Protein backbone atom coordinates (compact mmCIF):
# COMPACT_ATOMS: atom_id res chain seq x y z
CA MET A 1 -26.39 32.41 81.63
CA ALA A 2 -27.08 32.98 77.92
CA THR A 3 -30.69 32.61 76.36
CA ILE A 4 -31.06 30.16 73.57
CA GLY A 5 -34.80 30.04 72.42
CA LEU A 6 -38.41 30.39 72.72
CA LYS A 7 -41.59 28.93 73.19
CA ASN A 8 -45.05 28.27 74.82
CA LEU A 9 -46.01 32.33 74.14
CA VAL A 10 -49.43 31.89 76.32
CA TYR A 11 -51.77 34.87 78.09
CA SER A 12 -54.59 35.14 79.87
CA LYS A 13 -56.75 38.16 80.64
CA LEU A 14 -56.93 39.40 83.64
CA THR A 15 -60.35 39.86 85.73
CA LYS A 16 -59.14 41.84 88.83
CA ASP A 17 -57.00 44.03 89.35
CA ASP A 18 -57.33 46.23 93.44
CA GLU A 19 -56.98 46.10 96.90
CA ILE A 20 -57.69 42.96 97.31
CA GLY A 21 -56.26 40.95 95.22
CA ALA A 22 -55.70 40.18 90.72
CA ALA A 23 -57.03 37.22 88.78
CA TYR A 24 -56.83 36.33 85.85
CA SER A 25 -58.71 33.83 83.31
CA GLU A 26 -57.84 30.50 81.56
CA VAL A 27 -54.06 30.77 79.66
CA LYS A 28 -54.23 30.08 76.45
CA LYS A 29 -52.14 30.15 73.81
CA ILE A 30 -50.76 32.78 71.68
CA ALA A 31 -49.16 31.37 68.27
CA PRO A 32 -45.06 29.85 68.79
CA ALA A 33 -43.27 32.11 69.56
CA ILE A 34 -40.26 34.26 67.22
CA ASN A 35 -38.86 36.96 69.62
CA ALA A 36 -39.78 38.53 72.44
CA ARG A 37 -38.07 41.81 73.83
CA ILE A 38 -39.37 43.11 77.79
CA SER A 39 -38.36 47.47 77.96
CA PRO A 40 -38.36 48.21 81.05
CA LYS A 41 -38.60 52.44 81.30
CA THR A 42 -36.58 53.55 83.91
CA GLU A 43 -36.21 57.41 85.74
CA ILE A 44 -33.73 57.70 87.48
CA SER A 45 -33.30 61.20 89.80
CA ASN A 46 -30.37 62.24 91.77
CA LEU A 47 -30.20 64.85 94.81
CA TYR A 48 -27.29 66.71 95.25
CA ALA A 49 -25.50 67.86 98.05
CA ASP A 50 -22.46 69.36 98.98
CA ASP A 51 -21.13 69.98 95.88
CA GLY A 52 -21.73 65.85 95.30
CA ALA A 53 -24.43 63.27 94.51
CA VAL A 54 -25.44 62.19 97.76
CA GLU A 55 -28.69 59.64 97.48
CA THR A 56 -30.67 58.38 93.64
CA VAL A 57 -33.50 57.88 92.85
CA THR A 58 -34.68 55.27 90.10
CA SER A 59 -38.74 54.24 89.63
CA LEU A 60 -40.21 52.74 87.29
CA GLY A 61 -42.37 53.51 84.33
CA GLU A 62 -44.27 51.42 81.56
CA ILE A 63 -43.08 48.35 79.95
CA GLU A 64 -42.56 48.49 76.53
CA VAL A 65 -43.05 44.19 75.39
CA GLU A 66 -42.05 43.54 71.48
CA LEU A 67 -43.20 39.92 69.37
CA GLU A 68 -43.31 38.52 66.92
CA ILE A 69 -44.56 34.65 66.09
CA SER A 70 -45.36 32.42 62.90
CA ASP A 71 -48.32 33.79 63.49
CA LEU A 72 -51.73 35.56 64.18
CA PRO A 73 -54.90 33.07 63.93
CA ILE A 74 -58.18 35.90 64.24
CA ASP A 75 -59.50 34.06 67.82
CA ILE A 76 -56.54 35.10 69.68
CA GLN A 77 -56.84 38.40 67.77
CA ALA A 78 -59.97 40.12 68.53
CA ASP A 79 -59.31 39.15 72.21
CA LEU A 80 -56.49 40.69 72.34
CA GLN A 81 -57.62 43.79 70.88
CA GLY A 82 -61.37 43.40 72.12
CA HIS A 83 -62.22 42.53 68.48
CA THR A 84 -65.48 40.58 67.74
CA VAL A 85 -65.34 37.31 65.21
CA ASN A 86 -68.63 36.93 63.34
CA ALA A 87 -68.14 33.77 61.61
CA GLY A 88 -65.07 33.88 60.99
CA VAL A 89 -64.41 37.91 60.04
CA ILE A 90 -62.56 39.38 62.71
CA ILE A 91 -64.35 43.33 62.45
CA LYS A 92 -62.96 45.57 63.67
CA LYS A 93 -64.44 48.69 65.37
CA SER A 94 -62.64 52.29 66.68
CA THR A 95 -64.20 51.28 70.03
CA ASP A 96 -62.93 48.17 70.52
CA THR A 97 -60.60 48.31 73.79
CA ALA A 98 -57.83 45.95 74.51
CA PRO A 99 -58.41 44.19 77.76
CA TYR A 100 -54.58 43.58 80.44
CA VAL A 101 -53.82 40.56 80.10
CA ALA A 102 -49.78 38.78 81.42
CA ILE A 103 -47.97 36.92 78.77
CA GLY A 104 -46.05 33.82 80.13
CA PHE A 105 -43.54 32.08 78.26
CA LYS A 106 -39.60 29.77 78.43
CA SER A 107 -36.29 30.85 77.24
CA GLU A 108 -34.12 27.67 77.20
CA LYS A 109 -31.06 28.88 78.46
CA ALA A 110 -27.38 27.79 77.11
CA ASN A 111 -26.40 24.97 79.96
CA GLY A 112 -30.53 22.92 79.55
CA SER A 113 -32.30 23.93 81.35
CA TYR A 114 -34.77 27.02 80.79
CA ARG A 115 -36.47 30.20 82.47
CA TYR A 116 -39.61 31.03 82.38
CA LYS A 117 -41.40 34.73 82.89
CA TRP A 118 -44.63 36.57 83.29
CA LEU A 119 -45.87 39.89 82.36
CA TYR A 120 -48.61 40.33 84.87
CA LYS A 121 -50.64 43.11 83.15
CA GLY A 122 -50.47 45.41 79.84
CA LYS A 123 -52.85 46.36 76.58
CA PHE A 124 -51.33 45.33 73.20
CA SER A 125 -51.32 48.20 71.07
CA LEU A 126 -53.33 47.78 67.30
CA PHE A 127 -51.46 44.75 64.86
CA GLU A 128 -49.99 46.34 62.59
CA GLU A 129 -49.15 43.74 58.86
CA GLU A 130 -46.75 43.60 56.11
CA PHE A 131 -48.13 41.76 53.08
CA LYS A 132 -45.38 41.09 50.00
CA THR A 133 -46.00 39.36 46.99
CA LYS A 134 -43.87 36.04 46.17
CA GLU A 135 -40.31 36.42 44.60
CA ASP A 136 -38.08 33.85 42.95
CA LYS A 137 -37.06 33.69 46.48
CA VAL A 138 -39.51 33.72 49.54
CA GLU A 139 -39.94 36.04 52.70
CA PHE A 140 -41.71 35.51 54.77
CA GLN A 141 -44.06 38.00 56.66
CA THR A 142 -44.37 37.20 60.32
CA PRO A 143 -47.10 39.86 62.84
CA LYS A 144 -45.36 41.53 64.78
CA LEU A 145 -47.63 42.64 68.54
CA LYS A 146 -46.62 45.65 70.77
CA ALA A 147 -47.72 45.77 74.79
CA THR A 148 -47.09 48.17 77.28
CA PHE A 149 -47.18 46.74 80.61
CA VAL A 150 -47.16 48.29 83.67
CA LYS A 151 -47.29 46.95 87.39
CA ARG A 152 -50.04 45.17 89.04
CA LEU A 153 -52.95 48.06 91.31
CA PHE A 154 -52.80 44.85 93.72
CA ASP A 155 -49.66 44.27 94.66
CA ASP A 156 -47.16 46.28 92.65
CA ALA A 157 -45.51 43.82 90.35
CA TRP A 158 -45.15 43.42 87.49
CA GLU A 159 -43.34 40.58 86.29
CA ALA A 160 -42.41 37.64 88.09
CA THR A 161 -38.78 35.12 86.52
CA ALA A 162 -37.58 32.15 86.86
CA ASP A 163 -34.67 29.49 86.49
CA GLU A 164 -34.42 25.61 86.13
CA ASP A 165 -31.32 25.92 87.52
CA ALA A 166 -31.38 27.71 90.92
CA VAL A 167 -30.99 25.97 94.26
CA ASP A 168 -34.04 26.40 95.83
CA PHE A 169 -36.51 26.11 92.29
CA ASN A 170 -39.12 23.86 92.93
CA PRO A 171 -39.58 21.22 90.05
CA LEU A 172 -43.83 21.55 90.23
CA THR A 173 -43.17 25.55 89.51
CA ALA A 174 -42.45 24.15 85.95
CA THR A 175 -45.51 21.85 85.99
CA ASN A 176 -47.94 24.09 86.84
CA TRP A 177 -45.81 27.83 84.49
CA PHE A 178 -48.11 27.29 81.52
CA THR A 179 -52.08 26.66 84.05
CA SER A 180 -52.20 29.16 85.21
CA VAL A 181 -50.20 32.76 86.13
CA PHE A 182 -47.57 31.97 88.78
CA GLU A 183 -47.91 34.06 91.84
């Protein structure tokens, strides 16, 4: 079913990802979302024998994510990119390292129910900024964020998706979706 909305964009820092398990910090709101694009990169290889394809294998590469949001407060920007904030001023250094994070959101579907998403492990690249003078017609300049997500070491998971209108959907899943990263 087609989606017609996007809201509740949140993130959580990945604090552990090894063969024993994955763990995340508290969930925090990023900003009101305008749009989101998730683009998994896949490689398809075919084995040919007897003059035709006899096997095909698909492998997952990185997952590119693009977000457009209404604003990007400096404390959230610093948290997503590993910068520091001192007395309301963000300090960016070339040695700063972005942490791995999970991002979550929900999208209204055409039938009024919601689709929920969590992407489990990604890093944001430095943000592009654009500024423009006011003219007779105001044109908003909104932050556009890019991140690259990968599968977790713990279980190879990279995304969780839930639909409220699925036959066996548990309403508690929706209630708890933004309190912690879905596991």
